[in-house]
PDB file of N, CA and C in Angstrom:
ATOM      1  N   UNK A   1      48.051  15.071 -19.801  1.00  0.00           N
ATOM      2  CA  UNK A   1      48.817  14.075 -19.251  1.00  0.00           C
ATOM      3  C   UNK A   1      48.363  13.753 -17.722  1.00  0.00           C
ATOM      4  N   UNK A   2      48.437  12.477 -17.307  1.00  0.00           N
ATOM      5  CA  UNK A   2      47.853  12.156 -16.058  1.00  0.00           C
ATOM      6  C   UNK A   2      49.037  11.383 -15.268  1.00  0.00           C
ATOM      7  N   UNK A   3      49.329  12.004 -14.127  1.00  0.00           N
ATOM      8  CA  UNK A   3      50.389  11.378 -13.308  1.00  0.00           C
ATOM      9  C   UNK A   3      49.890  10.491 -12.176  1.00  0.00           C
ATOM     10  N   UNK A   4      50.523   9.342 -11.992  1.00  0.00           N
ATOM     11  CA  UNK A   4      50.075   8.384 -10.921  1.00  0.00           C
ATOM     12  C   UNK A   4      51.263   7.624 -10.477  1.00  0.00           C
ATOM     13  N   UNK A   5      51.097   6.558  -9.831  1.00  0.00           N
ATOM     14  CA  UNK A   5      52.221   5.673  -9.318  1.00  0.00           C
ATOM     15  C   UNK A   5      51.716   4.253  -9.538  1.00  0.00           C
ATOM     16  N   UNK A   6      52.868   3.392  -9.661  1.00  0.00           N
ATOM     17  CA  UNK A   6      52.688   2.056  -9.718  1.00  0.00           C
ATOM     18  C   UNK A   6      53.241   1.484  -8.425  1.00  0.00           C
ATOM     19  N   UNK A   7      52.750   0.322  -7.961  1.00  0.00           N
ATOM     20  CA  UNK A   7      53.161  -0.322  -6.804  1.00  0.00           C
ATOM     21  C   UNK A   7      53.542  -1.756  -6.974  1.00  0.00           C
ATOM     22  N   UNK A   8      54.760  -2.159  -6.635  1.00  0.00           N
ATOM     23  CA  UNK A   8      55.203  -3.519  -6.748  1.00  0.00           C
ATOM     24  C   UNK A   8      55.033  -4.142  -5.330  1.00  0.00           C
ATOM     25  N   UNK A   9      54.514  -5.336  -5.431  1.00  0.00           N
ATOM     26  CA  UNK A   9      54.155  -6.158  -4.161  1.00  0.00           C
ATOM     27  C   UNK A   9      55.132  -7.248  -4.002  1.00  0.00           C
ATOM     28  N   UNK A  10      55.497  -7.622  -2.794  1.00  0.00           N
ATOM     29  CA  UNK A  10      56.313  -8.741  -2.647  1.00  0.00           C
ATOM     30  C   UNK A  10      55.716 -10.017  -3.038  1.00  0.00           C
ATOM     31  N   UNK A  11      56.474 -10.911  -3.559  1.00  0.00           N
ATOM     32  CA  UNK A  11      55.951 -12.214  -4.125  1.00  0.00           C
ATOM     33  C   UNK A  11      55.348 -12.993  -2.920  1.00  0.00           C
ATOM     34  N   UNK A  12      54.113 -13.386  -3.147  1.00  0.00           N
ATOM     35  CA  UNK A  12      53.492 -14.214  -2.125  1.00  0.00           C
ATOM     36  C   UNK A  12      52.892 -13.261  -0.914  1.00  0.00           C
ATOM     37  N   UNK A  13      52.974 -11.956  -1.131  1.00  0.00           N
ATOM     38  CA  UNK A  13      52.437 -11.156  -0.111  1.00  0.00           C
ATOM     39  C   UNK A  13      51.655  -9.999  -0.689  1.00  0.00           C
ATOM     40  N   UNK A  14      51.254  -9.067   0.317  1.00  0.00           N
ATOM     41  CA  UNK A  14      50.625  -7.967  -0.189  1.00  0.00           C
ATOM     42  C   UNK A  14      51.281  -6.721   0.288  1.00  0.00           C
ATOM     43  N   UNK A  15      52.432  -6.762   0.645  1.00  0.00           N
ATOM     44  CA  UNK A  15      53.169  -5.487   1.229  1.00  0.00           C
ATOM     45  C   UNK A  15      53.838  -4.923   0.059  1.00  0.00           C
ATOM     46  N   UNK A  16      53.735  -3.612  -0.223  1.00  0.00           N
ATOM     47  CA  UNK A  16      54.524  -2.961  -1.321  1.00  0.00           C
ATOM     48  C   UNK A  16      55.982  -2.863  -0.869  1.00  0.00           C
ATOM     49  N   UNK A  17      56.782  -3.282  -1.911  1.00  0.00           N
ATOM     50  CA  UNK A  17      58.220  -3.279  -1.755  1.00  0.00           C
ATOM     51  C   UNK A  17      58.909  -2.286  -2.655  1.00  0.00           C
ATOM     52  N   UNK A  18      58.166  -1.837  -3.723  1.00  0.00           N
ATOM     53  CA  UNK A  18      58.696  -0.926  -4.636  1.00  0.00           C
ATOM     54  C   UNK A  18      57.597   0.002  -5.149  1.00  0.00           C
ATOM     55  N   UNK A  19      57.843   1.207  -5.549  1.00  0.00           N
ATOM     56  CA  UNK A  19      56.869   2.217  -6.211  1.00  0.00           C
ATOM     57  C   UNK A  19      57.611   2.960  -7.172  1.00  0.00           C
ATOM     58  N   UNK A  20      56.915   3.582  -8.078  1.00  0.00           N
ATOM     59  CA  UNK A  20      57.438   4.305  -9.171  1.00  0.00           C
ATOM     60  C   UNK A  20      56.362   5.130  -9.760  1.00  0.00           C
ATOM     61  N   UNK A  21      56.760   6.050 -10.784  1.00  0.00           N
ATOM     62  CA  UNK A  21      55.859   6.852 -11.513  1.00  0.00           C
ATOM     63  C   UNK A  21      55.099   6.179 -12.686  1.00  0.00           C
ATOM     64  N   UNK A  22      54.003   6.538 -12.844  1.00  0.00           N
ATOM     65  CA  UNK A  22      53.204   6.155 -13.978  1.00  0.00           C
ATOM     66  C   UNK A  22      52.627   7.407 -14.628  1.00  0.00           C
ATOM     67  N   UNK A  23      52.924   7.519 -15.925  1.00  0.00           N
ATOM     68  CA  UNK A  23      52.505   8.690 -16.669  1.00  0.00           C
ATOM     69  C   UNK A  23      51.654   8.207 -17.672  1.00  0.00           C
ATOM     70  N   UNK A  24      50.447   8.715 -17.908  1.00  0.00           N
ATOM     71  CA  UNK A  24      49.535   8.488 -18.796  1.00  0.00           C
ATOM     72  C   UNK A  24      49.325   9.711 -19.842  1.00  0.00           C
ATOM     73  N   UNK A  25      49.644   9.403 -21.172  1.00  0.00           N
ATOM     74  CA  UNK A  25      49.361  10.391 -22.112  1.00  0.00           C
ATOM     75  C   UNK A  25      47.980  10.206 -22.610  1.00  0.00           C
ATOM     76  N   UNK A  26      47.307  11.304 -22.562  1.00  0.00           N
ATOM     77  CA  UNK A  26      45.873  11.298 -22.853  1.00  0.00           C
ATOM     78  C   UNK A  26      45.488  11.867 -24.182  1.00  0.00           C
ATOM     79  N   UNK A  27      44.596  11.238 -25.030  1.00  0.00           N
ATOM     80  CA  UNK A  27      44.179  11.695 -26.264  1.00  0.00           C
ATOM     81  C   UNK A  27      43.505  13.040 -26.009  1.00  0.00           C
ATOM     82  N   UNK A  28      43.704  14.090 -26.901  1.00  0.00           N
ATOM     83  CA  UNK A  28      43.133  15.473 -26.641  1.00  0.00           C
ATOM     84  C   UNK A  28      41.524  15.424 -26.831  1.00  0.00           C
ATOM     85  N   UNK A  29      40.985  14.406 -27.403  1.00  0.00           N
ATOM     86  CA  UNK A  29      39.583  14.378 -27.500  1.00  0.00           C
ATOM     87  C   UNK A  29      38.956  13.554 -26.341  1.00  0.00           C
ATOM     88  N   UNK A  30      39.671  13.079 -25.403  1.00  0.00           N
ATOM     89  CA  UNK A  30      39.204  12.349 -24.311  1.00  0.00           C
ATOM     90  C   UNK A  30      38.244  13.174 -23.476  1.00  0.00           C
ATOM     91  N   UNK A  31      36.958  12.683 -23.093  1.00  0.00           N
ATOM     92  CA  UNK A  31      36.197  13.309 -22.164  1.00  0.00           C
ATOM     93  C   UNK A  31      35.568  12.403 -21.236  1.00  0.00           C
ATOM     94  N   UNK A  32      34.954  12.685 -20.178  1.00  0.00           N
ATOM     95  CA  UNK A  32      34.303  11.789 -19.292  1.00  0.00           C
ATOM     96  C   UNK A  32      33.189  10.989 -20.016  1.00  0.00           C
ATOM     97  N   UNK A  33      32.407  11.658 -20.868  1.00  0.00           N
ATOM     98  CA  UNK A  33      31.471  10.863 -21.652  1.00  0.00           C
ATOM     99  C   UNK A  33      31.962  10.025 -22.775  1.00  0.00           C
ATOM    100  N   UNK A  34      33.123  10.350 -23.288  1.00  0.00           N
ATOM    101  CA  UNK A  34      33.753   9.462 -24.290  1.00  0.00           C
ATOM    102  C   UNK A  34      35.199   9.289 -24.102  1.00  0.00           C
ATOM    103  N   UNK A  35      35.499   8.465 -23.026  1.00  0.00           N
ATOM    104  CA  UNK A  35      36.965   8.302 -22.745  1.00  0.00           C
ATOM    105  C   UNK A  35      37.619   7.538 -23.947  1.00  0.00           C
ATOM    106  N   UNK A  36      38.921   7.831 -24.158  1.00  0.00           N
ATOM    107  CA  UNK A  36      39.695   7.126 -25.161  1.00  0.00           C
ATOM    108  C   UNK A  36      40.874   6.456 -24.389  1.00  0.00           C
ATOM    109  N   UNK A  37      41.556   5.452 -25.179  1.00  0.00           N
ATOM    110  CA  UNK A  37      42.651   4.809 -24.618  1.00  0.00           C
ATOM    111  C   UNK A  37      43.695   5.766 -24.380  1.00  0.00           C
ATOM    112  N   UNK A  38      44.348   5.752 -23.178  1.00  0.00           N
ATOM    113  CA  UNK A  38      45.497   6.526 -22.753  1.00  0.00           C
ATOM    114  C   UNK A  38      46.755   5.644 -23.161  1.00  0.00           C
ATOM    115  N   UNK A  39      47.902   6.280 -23.164  1.00  0.00           N
ATOM    116  CA  UNK A  39      49.142   5.545 -23.335  1.00  0.00           C
ATOM    117  C   UNK A  39      49.846   5.674 -21.982  1.00  0.00           C
ATOM    118  N   UNK A  40      49.752   4.565 -21.188  1.00  0.00           N
ATOM    119  CA  UNK A  40      50.344   4.545 -19.814  1.00  0.00           C
ATOM    120  C   UNK A  40      51.853   4.143 -19.912  1.00  0.00           C
ATOM    121  N   UNK A  41      52.707   4.904 -19.292  1.00  0.00           N
ATOM    122  CA  UNK A  41      54.116   4.476 -19.204  1.00  0.00           C
ATOM    123  C   UNK A  41      54.604   4.469 -17.827  1.00  0.00           C
ATOM    124  N   UNK A  42      55.063   3.325 -17.555  1.00  0.00           N
ATOM    125  CA  UNK A  42      55.473   3.094 -16.108  1.00  0.00           C
ATOM    126  C   UNK A  42      57.143   3.417 -16.170  1.00  0.00           C
ATOM    127  N   UNK A  43      57.614   4.066 -15.169  1.00  0.00           N
ATOM    128  CA  UNK A  43      58.899   4.432 -15.157  1.00  0.00           C
ATOM    129  C   UNK A  43      59.606   3.642 -14.015  1.00  0.00           C
ATOM    130  N   UNK A  44      60.705   2.921 -14.293  1.00  0.00           N
ATOM    131  CA  UNK A  44      61.372   2.127 -13.314  1.00  0.00           C
ATOM    132  C   UNK A  44      62.904   2.538 -13.363  1.00  0.00           C
ATOM    133  N   UNK A  45      63.510   2.491 -12.261  1.00  0.00           N
ATOM    134  CA  UNK A  45      64.963   2.651 -12.229  1.00  0.00           C
ATOM    135  C   UNK A  45      65.458   1.439 -12.816  1.00  0.00           C
ATOM    136  N   UNK A  46      66.701   1.240 -13.257  1.00  0.00           N
ATOM    137  CA  UNK A  46      67.337   0.001 -13.874  1.00  0.00           C
ATOM    138  C   UNK A  46      67.372  -1.107 -12.842  1.00  0.00           C
ATOM    139  N   UNK A  47      67.659  -0.568 -11.666  1.00  0.00           N
ATOM    140  CA  UNK A  47      67.683  -1.505 -10.530  1.00  0.00           C
ATOM    141  C   UNK A  47      66.310  -2.238 -10.166  1.00  0.00           C
ATOM    142  N   UNK A  48      65.251  -1.327 -10.231  1.00  0.00           N
ATOM    143  CA  UNK A  48      63.825  -1.804  -9.898  1.00  0.00           C
ATOM    144  C   UNK A  48      63.453  -2.824 -11.148  1.00  0.00           C
ATOM    145  N   UNK A  49      63.815  -2.489 -12.277  1.00  0.00           N
ATOM    146  CA  UNK A  49      63.459  -3.338 -13.580  1.00  0.00           C
ATOM    147  C   UNK A  49      64.211  -4.700 -13.350  1.00  0.00           C
ATOM    148  N   UNK A  50      65.410  -4.670 -13.050  1.00  0.00           N
ATOM    149  CA  UNK A  50      66.184  -5.922 -12.943  1.00  0.00           C
ATOM    150  C   UNK A  50      65.616  -6.779 -11.812  1.00  0.00           C
ATOM    151  N   UNK A  51      65.199  -6.149 -10.736  1.00  0.00           N
ATOM    152  CA  UNK A  51      64.512  -6.915  -9.739  1.00  0.00           C
ATOM    153  C   UNK A  51      63.154  -7.438 -10.009  1.00  0.00           C
ATOM    154  N   UNK A  52      62.434  -6.685 -10.842  1.00  0.00           N
ATOM    155  CA  UNK A  52      60.982  -7.259 -11.382  1.00  0.00           C
ATOM    156  C   UNK A  52      61.313  -8.346 -12.284  1.00  0.00           C
ATOM    157  N   UNK A  53      62.357  -8.340 -13.236  1.00  0.00           N
ATOM    158  CA  UNK A  53      62.600  -9.415 -14.129  1.00  0.00           C
ATOM    159  C   UNK A  53      63.145 -10.688 -13.379  1.00  0.00           C
ATOM    160  N   UNK A  54      63.799 -10.579 -12.257  1.00  0.00           N
ATOM    161  CA  UNK A  54      64.189 -11.667 -11.442  1.00  0.00           C
ATOM    162  C   UNK A  54      63.117 -12.144 -10.626  1.00  0.00           C
ATOM    163  N   UNK A  55      61.912 -11.655 -10.614  1.00  0.00           N
ATOM    164  CA  UNK A  55      60.824 -12.049  -9.890  1.00  0.00           C
ATOM    165  C   UNK A  55      60.776 -11.650  -8.400  1.00  0.00           C
ATOM    166  N   UNK A  56      61.594 -10.646  -7.966  1.00  0.00           N
ATOM    167  CA  UNK A  56      61.615 -10.279  -6.546  1.00  0.00           C
ATOM    168  C   UNK A  56      60.231  -9.590  -6.166  1.00  0.00           C
ATOM    169  N   UNK A  57      59.594  -9.084  -7.154  1.00  0.00           N
ATOM    170  CA  UNK A  57      58.236  -8.409  -6.765  1.00  0.00           C
ATOM    171  C   UNK A  57      57.430  -8.558  -8.048  1.00  0.00           C
ATOM    172  N   UNK A  58      56.060  -8.196  -7.920  1.00  0.00           N
ATOM    173  CA  UNK A  58      55.234  -8.341  -9.095  1.00  0.00           C
ATOM    174  C   UNK A  58      54.211  -7.133  -9.124  1.00  0.00           C
ATOM    175  N   UNK A  59      53.758  -6.845 -10.160  1.00  0.00           N
ATOM    176  CA  UNK A  59      52.916  -5.671 -10.340  1.00  0.00           C
ATOM    177  C   UNK A  59      51.581  -6.153 -10.992  1.00  0.00           C
ATOM    178  N   UNK A  60      50.493  -5.955 -10.210  1.00  0.00           N
ATOM    179  CA  UNK A  60      49.125  -6.400 -10.706  1.00  0.00           C
ATOM    180  C   UNK A  60      48.925  -7.895 -10.734  1.00  0.00           C
ATOM    181  N   UNK A  61      47.567  -8.179 -11.221  1.00  0.00           N
ATOM    182  CA  UNK A  61      47.319  -9.791 -11.221  1.00  0.00           C
ATOM    183  C   UNK A  61      47.609 -10.398 -12.551  1.00  0.00           C
ATOM    184  N   UNK A  62      48.055  -9.674 -13.532  1.00  0.00           N
ATOM    185  CA  UNK A  62      48.311 -10.365 -14.883  1.00  0.00           C
ATOM    186  C   UNK A  62      49.362 -11.337 -14.793  1.00  0.00           C
ATOM    187  N   UNK A  63      49.163 -12.470 -15.589  1.00  0.00           N
ATOM    188  CA  UNK A  63      50.290 -13.410 -15.423  1.00  0.00           C
ATOM    189  C   UNK A  63      51.517 -13.093 -16.119  1.00  0.00           C
ATOM    190  N   UNK A  64      51.683 -11.964 -16.755  1.00  0.00           N
ATOM    191  CA  UNK A  64      52.941 -11.477 -17.393  1.00  0.00           C
ATOM    192  C   UNK A  64      53.132 -10.055 -16.783  1.00  0.00           C
ATOM    193  N   UNK A  65      54.387  -9.626 -16.761  1.00  0.00           N
ATOM    194  CA  UNK A  65      54.738  -8.210 -16.270  1.00  0.00           C
ATOM    195  C   UNK A  65      54.621  -7.177 -17.398  1.00  0.00           C
ATOM    196  N   UNK A  66      55.031  -6.048 -17.069  1.00  0.00           N
ATOM    197  CA  UNK A  66      55.050  -4.897 -17.951  1.00  0.00           C
ATOM    198  C   UNK A  66      56.131  -5.271 -19.190  1.00  0.00           C
ATOM    199  N   UNK A  67      55.812  -4.609 -20.309  1.00  0.00           N
ATOM    200  CA  UNK A  67      56.796  -4.780 -21.404  1.00  0.00           C
ATOM    201  C   UNK A  67      57.569  -3.396 -21.684  1.00  0.00           C
ATOM    202  N   UNK A  68      58.774  -3.721 -21.890  1.00  0.00           N
ATOM    203  CA  UNK A  68      59.762  -2.542 -22.095  1.00  0.00           C
ATOM    204  C   UNK A  68      59.519  -1.809 -23.352  1.00  0.00           C
ATOM    205  N   UNK A  69      59.461  -0.511 -23.315  1.00  0.00           N
ATOM    206  CA  UNK A  69      59.369   0.416 -24.469  1.00  0.00           C
ATOM    207  C   UNK A  69      60.579   1.013 -24.844  1.00  0.00           C
ATOM    208  N   UNK A  70      61.471   1.374 -23.955  1.00  0.00           N
ATOM    209  CA  UNK A  70      62.629   2.021 -24.113  1.00  0.00           C
ATOM    210  C   UNK A  70      63.425   2.197 -22.859  1.00  0.00           C
ATOM    211  N   UNK A  71      64.674   2.586 -23.073  1.00  0.00           N
ATOM    212  CA  UNK A  71      65.529   2.713 -21.675  1.00  0.00           C
ATOM    213  C   UNK A  71      66.705   3.719 -21.971  1.00  0.00           C
ATOM    214  N   UNK A  72      67.250   4.290 -20.869  1.00  0.00           N
ATOM    215  CA  UNK A  72      68.491   4.806 -20.990  1.00  0.00           C
ATOM    216  C   UNK A  72      69.305   4.211 -19.861  1.00  0.00           C
ATOM    217  N   UNK A  73      70.456   4.684 -19.449  1.00  0.00           N
ATOM    218  CA  UNK A  73      71.201   4.062 -18.562  1.00  0.00           C
ATOM    219  C   UNK A  73      70.723   4.166 -17.118  1.00  0.00           C
ATOM    220  N   UNK A  74      69.664   5.100 -16.877  1.00  0.00           N
ATOM    221  CA  UNK A  74      69.268   5.156 -15.400  1.00  0.00           C
ATOM    222  C   UNK A  74      67.768   4.600 -15.239  1.00  0.00           C
ATOM    223  N   UNK A  75      66.950   4.632 -16.431  1.00  0.00           N
ATOM    224  CA  UNK A  75      65.577   4.366 -16.383  1.00  0.00           C
ATOM    225  C   UNK A  75      65.028   3.331 -17.500  1.00  0.00           C
ATOM    226  N   UNK A  76      64.101   2.553 -17.066  1.00  0.00           N
ATOM    227  CA  UNK A  76      63.313   1.785 -18.041  1.00  0.00           C
ATOM    228  C   UNK A  76      61.964   2.193 -18.094  1.00  0.00           C
ATOM    229  N   UNK A  77      61.450   2.447 -19.378  1.00  0.00           N
ATOM    230  CA  UNK A  77      60.157   2.895 -19.532  1.00  0.00           C
ATOM    231  C   UNK A  77      59.325   1.676 -20.150  1.00  0.00           C
ATOM    232  N   UNK A  78      58.259   1.334 -19.439  1.00  0.00           N
ATOM    233  CA  UNK A  78      57.482   0.185 -19.951  1.00  0.00           C
ATOM    234  C   UNK A  78      55.988   0.423 -19.984  1.00  0.00           C
ATOM    235  N   UNK A  79      55.374  -0.457 -20.582  1.00  0.00           N
ATOM    236  CA  UNK A  79      53.872  -0.554 -20.841  1.00  0.00           C
ATOM    237  C   UNK A  79      53.302  -1.435 -19.904  1.00  0.00           C
ATOM    238  N   UNK A  80      52.349  -1.054 -19.163  1.00  0.00           N
ATOM    239  CA  UNK A  80      51.741  -2.065 -18.158  1.00  0.00           C
ATOM    240  C   UNK A  80      51.069  -3.265 -18.948  1.00  0.00           C
ATOM    241  N   UNK A  81      51.215  -4.390 -18.317  1.00  0.00           N
ATOM    242  CA  UNK A  81      50.506  -5.548 -18.772  1.00  0.00           C
ATOM    243  C   UNK A  81      48.990  -5.282 -18.882  1.00  0.00           C
ATOM    244  N   UNK A  82      48.285  -5.763 -19.976  1.00  0.00           N
ATOM    245  CA  UNK A  82      46.935  -5.518 -20.064  1.00  0.00           C
ATOM    246  C   UNK A  82      46.337  -4.053 -20.097  1.00  0.00           C
ATOM    247  N   UNK A  83      47.239  -3.244 -20.404  1.00  0.00           N
ATOM    248  CA  UNK A  83      46.722  -1.792 -20.391  1.00  0.00           C
ATOM    249  C   UNK A  83      45.584  -1.500 -21.199  1.00  0.00           C
ATOM    250  N   UNK A  84      45.406  -2.220 -22.201  1.00  0.00           N
ATOM    251  CA  UNK A  84      44.204  -2.070 -23.128  1.00  0.00           C
ATOM    252  C   UNK A  84      43.133  -3.138 -23.041  1.00  0.00           C
ATOM    253  N   UNK A  85      43.093  -3.753 -21.919  1.00  0.00           N
ATOM    254  CA  UNK A  85      42.371  -5.100 -21.754  1.00  0.00           C
ATOM    255  C   UNK A  85      40.859  -4.929 -22.172  1.00  0.00           C
ATOM    256  N   UNK A  86      40.352  -3.750 -21.834  1.00  0.00           N
ATOM    257  CA  UNK A  86      38.906  -3.455 -22.094  1.00  0.00           C
ATOM    258  C   UNK A  86      38.663  -3.084 -23.441  1.00  0.00           C
ATOM    259  N   UNK A  87      39.730  -2.797 -24.365  1.00  0.00           N
ATOM    260  CA  UNK A  87      39.618  -2.345 -25.706  1.00  0.00           C
ATOM    261  C   UNK A  87      38.725  -0.998 -25.839  1.00  0.00           C
ATOM    262  N   UNK A  88      39.104  -0.043 -24.998  1.00  0.00           N
ATOM    263  CA  UNK A  88      38.408   1.309 -25.159  1.00  0.00           C
ATOM    264  C   UNK A  88      38.597   1.847 -26.438  1.00  0.00           C
ATOM    265  N   UNK A  89      37.735   2.890 -26.877  1.00  0.00           N
ATOM    266  CA  UNK A  89      37.824   3.625 -28.046  1.00  0.00           C
ATOM    267  C   UNK A  89      39.293   4.132 -28.267  1.00  0.00           C
ATOM    268  N   UNK A  90      39.909   4.083 -29.457  1.00  0.00           N
ATOM    269  CA  UNK A  90      41.155   4.563 -29.674  1.00  0.00           C
ATOM    270  C   UNK A  90      42.308   3.561 -29.401  1.00  0.00           C
ATOM    271  N   UNK A  91      41.945   2.285 -28.922  1.00  0.00           N
ATOM    272  CA  UNK A  91      43.065   1.487 -28.620  1.00  0.00           C
ATOM    273  C   UNK A  91      43.890   0.969 -29.887  1.00  0.00           C
ATOM    274  N   UNK A  92      43.218   1.077 -31.064  1.00  0.00           N
ATOM    275  CA  UNK A  92      43.918   0.671 -32.243  1.00  0.00           C
ATOM    276  C   UNK A  92      45.038   1.703 -32.672  1.00  0.00           C
ATOM    277  N   UNK A  93      44.550   3.028 -32.406  1.00  0.00           N
ATOM    278  CA  UNK A  93      45.379   4.088 -32.618  1.00  0.00           C
ATOM    279  C   UNK A  93      46.565   4.022 -31.769  1.00  0.00           C
ATOM    280  N   UNK A  94      46.422   3.749 -30.454  1.00  0.00           N
ATOM    281  CA  UNK A  94      47.569   3.590 -29.545  1.00  0.00           C
ATOM    282  C   UNK A  94      48.492   2.468 -29.947  1.00  0.00           C
ATOM    283  N   UNK A  95      47.929   1.329 -30.430  1.00  0.00           N
ATOM    284  CA  UNK A  95      48.851   0.271 -30.911  1.00  0.00           C
ATOM    285  C   UNK A  95      49.636   0.721 -32.200  1.00  0.00           C
ATOM    286  N   UNK A  96      49.087   1.462 -33.036  1.00  0.00           N
ATOM    287  CA  UNK A  96      49.843   1.973 -34.109  1.00  0.00           C
ATOM    288  C   UNK A  96      51.053   2.919 -33.629  1.00  0.00           C
ATOM    289  N   UNK A  97      50.642   3.705 -32.763  1.00  0.00           N
ATOM    290  CA  UNK A  97      51.694   4.698 -32.186  1.00  0.00           C
ATOM    291  C   UNK A  97      52.862   4.001 -31.668  1.00  0.00           C
ATOM    292  N   UNK A  98      52.407   2.949 -30.713  1.00  0.00           N
ATOM    293  CA  UNK A  98      53.466   2.181 -30.030  1.00  0.00           C
ATOM    294  C   UNK A  98      54.348   1.277 -30.977  1.00  0.00           C
ATOM    295  N   UNK A  99      53.766   0.831 -32.122  1.00  0.00           N
ATOM    296  CA  UNK A  99      54.430   0.057 -33.000  1.00  0.00           C
ATOM    297  C   UNK A  99      55.564   0.758 -33.779  1.00  0.00           C
ATOM    298  N   UNK A 100      55.449   2.071 -33.782  1.00  0.00           N
ATOM    299  CA  UNK A 100      56.375   2.976 -34.457  1.00  0.00           C
ATOM    300  C   UNK A 100      57.569   3.242 -33.486  1.00  0.00           C
ATOM    301  N   UNK A 101      57.443   2.732 -32.266  1.00  0.00           N
ATOM    302  CA  UNK A 101      58.499   2.934 -31.247  1.00  0.00           C
ATOM    303  C   UNK A 101      58.918   4.451 -31.115  1.00  0.00           C
ATOM    304  N   UNK A 102      57.894   5.302 -30.692  1.00  0.00           N
ATOM    305  CA  UNK A 102      58.172   6.631 -30.675  1.00  0.00           C
ATOM    306  C   UNK A 102      58.934   7.300 -29.419  1.00  0.00           C
ATOM    307  N   UNK A 103      59.041   6.421 -28.423  1.00  0.00           N
ATOM    308  CA  UNK A 103      59.748   6.849 -27.165  1.00  0.00           C
ATOM    309  C   UNK A 103      61.260   6.852 -27.461  1.00  0.00           C
ATOM    310  N   UNK A 104      61.989   7.929 -27.311  1.00  0.00           N
ATOM    311  CA  UNK A 104      63.421   7.991 -27.359  1.00  0.00           C
ATOM    312  C   UNK A 104      63.966   8.689 -26.300  1.00  0.00           C
ATOM    313  N   UNK A 105      64.194   7.993 -25.175  1.00  0.00           N
ATOM    314  CA  UNK A 105      64.893   8.562 -23.942  1.00  0.00           C
ATOM    315  C   UNK A 105      66.204   8.967 -24.214  1.00  0.00           C
ATOM    316  N   UNK A 106      66.576  10.040 -23.534  1.00  0.00           N
ATOM    317  CA  UNK A 106      67.957  10.638 -23.540  1.00  0.00           C
ATOM    318  C   UNK A 106      68.715  10.674 -22.333  1.00  0.00           C
ATOM    319  N   UNK A 107      69.963  10.782 -22.290  1.00  0.00           N
ATOM    320  CA  UNK A 107      70.673  10.782 -21.084  1.00  0.00           C
ATOM    321  C   UNK A 107      70.735  12.162 -20.484  1.00  0.00           C
ATOM    322  N   UNK A 108      70.767  12.219 -19.124  1.00  0.00           N
ATOM    323  CA  UNK A 108      70.767  13.488 -18.486  1.00  0.00           C
ATOM    324  C   UNK A 108      72.326  13.834 -18.031  1.00  0.00           C
TER     325      UNK A 108
END
């Protein structure tokens, strides 16, 4: 698993206004020589998600935003827009996994 962060920028500007965690689940056969498609999961608070949906900020240059995978009362888990844009090896496998809706968040 690879941990990183996402950054939300102000609409019409370049100033970060929101940040959050980005977790990538990596295929066990991934190597530097033969990388495979990760499953990137962005984590938003429900407040951040609502602000993103209202257009208060944006993430990345894609014309669409992240797509919701699952949620609980505190967090929204989302797939970044264009996460598989380059169609790396294993992207079909990731699409099958995500189609089965495997993420089941629980309440803490």
